Amino acid sequence: MSVHSPQARKRRQRVRPSGKRAETKARNRQTILDAARSVFAERGYSAATVRDVIRATPLAAGTFYKYFKSKEEVLEALRAAAAESMGPALREERRSAATVGAFVAGAFRTFFAHAAAKHGQLAARKGSGVFALRADEPEMLAAFAELR
């Protein structure tokens, strides 16, 4: 049997867990992403470490590495989630804009509305009203990627 045969491909396909196990995996992954978003916002991506992210969760260090190999991989997952949530609105701005200036203005409005909502949730959880954006946050990276 060839390694390229349909049977070999089928064996290599990952079986997706279902039920309670899948819910636990999704919850653990989201816990790590939420903690990373908070740690990156507080410390900045460059200063933050995987250990900082792990300490911000109730999970064991090994659990982190089950889902992500590095903080770079976590940032990419956060960026992808931000792009997914902002992408449709940014693409609509691009489609409806009559000029480049109108598109840039609309893209920034969309980005800041999205960022304000996300950061408002974080600030409310932390009990502070501070709203600050860093250039290395996933939302900012996703917005710039969409502008290209």
Protein backbone atom coordinates (compact mmCIF):
# COMPACT_ATOMS: atom_id res chain seq x y z
CA MET A 1 0.00 0.00 0.00
CA SER A 2 1.39 3.41 -1.02
CA VAL A 3 1.81 6.20 1.54
CA HIS A 4 -0.27 8.32 -0.85
CA SER A 5 -3.16 5.88 -1.17
CA PRO A 6 -6.63 6.93 0.04
CA GLN A 7 -6.43 4.35 2.85
CA ALA A 8 -3.09 5.73 4.08
CA ARG A 9 -4.43 9.30 3.95
CA LYS A 10 -7.50 8.28 5.90
CA ARG A 11 -5.37 6.69 8.63
CA ARG A 12 -3.31 9.88 8.94
CA GLN A 13 -6.37 12.08 9.33
CA ARG A 14 -6.82 13.25 12.87
CA VAL A 15 -9.96 12.04 14.56
CA ARG A 16 -11.76 14.96 16.22
CA PRO A 17 -12.86 14.21 19.77
CA SER A 18 -16.48 14.85 20.58
CA GLY A 19 -18.51 15.45 23.68
CA LYS A 20 -17.03 16.36 27.02
CA ARG A 21 -13.42 15.84 25.92
CA ALA A 22 -13.82 18.25 23.02
CA GLU A 23 -15.44 20.82 25.32
CA THR A 24 -12.56 20.53 27.80
CA LYS A 25 -9.99 20.94 25.03
CA ALA A 26 -11.78 23.99 23.63
CA ARG A 27 -12.13 25.49 27.12
CA ASN A 28 -8.43 24.91 27.94
CA ARG A 29 -7.34 26.45 24.67
CA GLN A 30 -9.58 29.46 25.21
CA THR A 31 -8.32 29.83 28.79
CA ILE A 32 -4.76 30.03 27.48
CA LEU A 33 -5.71 32.53 24.77
CA ASP A 34 -7.61 34.74 27.22
CA ALA A 35 -4.69 34.69 29.66
CA ALA A 36 -2.21 35.45 26.88
CA ARG A 37 -4.30 38.37 25.63
CA SER A 38 -4.37 39.80 29.14
CA VAL A 39 -0.66 39.22 29.80
CA PHE A 40 0.35 40.65 26.42
CA ALA A 41 -1.83 43.72 27.07
CA GLU A 42 -0.34 44.26 30.53
CA ARG A 43 3.31 43.49 29.89
CA GLY A 44 3.62 43.81 26.14
CA TYR A 45 4.29 40.90 23.84
CA SER A 46 8.07 41.26 23.89
CA ALA A 47 8.32 41.35 27.69
CA ALA A 48 5.79 38.57 28.30
CA THR A 49 6.94 34.99 28.69
CA VAL A 50 5.21 31.65 28.35
CA ARG A 51 5.63 31.29 32.11
CA ASP A 52 3.69 34.57 32.61
CA VAL A 53 0.85 33.20 30.48
CA ILE A 54 0.83 29.87 32.33
CA ARG A 55 0.77 31.64 35.71
CA ALA A 56 -2.29 33.60 34.57
CA THR A 57 -4.23 30.34 34.10
CA PRO A 58 -5.31 27.61 36.49
CA LEU A 59 -3.70 25.08 34.11
CA ALA A 60 -0.46 23.14 34.42
CA ALA A 61 2.55 24.09 32.30
CA GLY A 62 2.27 20.86 30.34
CA THR A 63 -1.26 21.78 29.32
CA PHE A 64 0.03 24.95 27.65
CA TYR A 65 2.45 22.93 25.52
CA LYS A 66 -0.27 20.50 24.56
CA TYR A 67 -1.97 23.36 22.70
CA PHE A 68 0.88 25.71 21.73
CA LYS A 69 4.60 25.29 21.10
CA SER A 70 5.56 28.88 21.89
CA LYS A 71 4.28 32.36 22.67
CA GLU A 72 4.68 33.10 18.95
CA GLU A 73 2.14 30.39 18.21
CA VAL A 74 -0.23 31.88 20.80
CA LEU A 75 0.14 35.32 19.24
CA GLU A 76 -0.62 33.86 15.81
CA ALA A 77 -3.78 32.22 17.20
CA LEU A 78 -4.85 35.52 18.78
CA ARG A 79 -4.10 37.39 15.56
CA ALA A 80 -6.10 34.86 13.54
CA ALA A 81 -9.06 35.16 15.92
CA ALA A 82 -8.91 38.97 15.75
CA ALA A 83 -8.69 38.87 11.96
CA GLU A 84 -11.63 36.48 11.82
CA SER A 85 -13.80 38.70 14.00
CA MET A 86 -12.77 42.01 12.39
CA GLY A 87 -12.17 40.75 8.87
CA PRO A 88 -15.73 40.88 7.52
CA ALA A 89 -16.24 44.47 8.74
CA LEU A 90 -12.88 45.58 7.33
CA ARG A 91 -13.60 43.90 3.99
CA GLU A 92 -17.00 45.65 3.89
CA GLU A 93 -15.25 48.96 4.50
CA ARG A 94 -12.94 48.20 1.60
CA ARG A 95 -15.83 47.21 -0.66
CA SER A 96 -17.96 50.26 0.11
CA ALA A 97 -15.25 52.93 0.21
CA ALA A 98 -15.24 55.32 -2.73
CA THR A 99 -11.66 56.46 -2.09
CA VAL A 100 -8.53 55.18 -0.41
CA GLY A 101 -8.96 57.83 2.29
CA ALA A 102 -12.52 56.69 2.98
CA PHE A 103 -11.33 53.10 3.27
CA VAL A 104 -8.51 53.97 5.68
CA ALA A 105 -10.85 56.09 7.82
CA GLY A 106 -13.48 53.34 7.86
CA ALA A 107 -10.88 50.67 8.64
CA PHE A 108 -9.60 52.65 11.60
CA ARG A 109 -13.15 53.25 12.88
CA THR A 110 -13.83 49.52 12.63
CA PHE A 111 -10.57 48.61 14.30
CA PHE A 112 -10.99 51.03 17.20
CA ALA A 113 -14.60 49.99 17.78
CA HIS A 114 -13.50 46.35 17.93
CA ALA A 115 -10.49 47.11 20.14
CA ALA A 116 -12.54 49.29 22.50
CA ALA A 117 -15.08 46.51 22.97
CA LYS A 118 -12.35 43.92 23.67
CA HIS A 119 -10.35 46.18 25.96
CA GLY A 120 -13.48 47.35 27.73
CA GLN A 121 -14.15 43.75 28.70
CA LEU A 122 -10.58 43.37 29.97
CA ALA A 123 -10.69 46.66 31.90
CA ALA A 124 -14.01 45.72 33.48
CA ARG A 125 -12.57 42.40 34.64
CA LYS A 126 -9.51 44.12 36.07
CA GLY A 127 -11.54 46.93 37.66
CA SER A 128 -9.77 49.70 35.78
CA GLY A 129 -11.11 52.08 33.19
CA VAL A 130 -7.79 52.36 31.38
CA PHE A 131 -7.88 51.85 27.64
CA ALA A 132 -4.49 51.48 26.03
CA LEU A 133 -3.44 49.94 22.75
CA ARG A 134 -0.05 48.57 21.93
CA ALA A 135 1.25 48.17 18.39
CA ASP A 136 2.12 44.54 19.10
CA GLU A 137 -1.37 43.44 20.17
CA PRO A 138 -3.16 40.83 18.04
CA GLU A 139 -5.99 43.18 17.07
CA MET A 140 -3.51 45.79 15.81
CA LEU A 141 -1.55 43.19 13.84
CA ALA A 142 -4.75 41.82 12.29
CA ALA A 143 -5.94 45.29 11.30
CA PHE A 144 -2.65 46.13 9.62
CA ALA A 145 -2.65 42.80 7.81
CA GLU A 146 -6.13 43.54 6.45
CA LEU A 147 -5.04 47.00 5.29
CA ARG A 148 -2.43 45.49 2.98
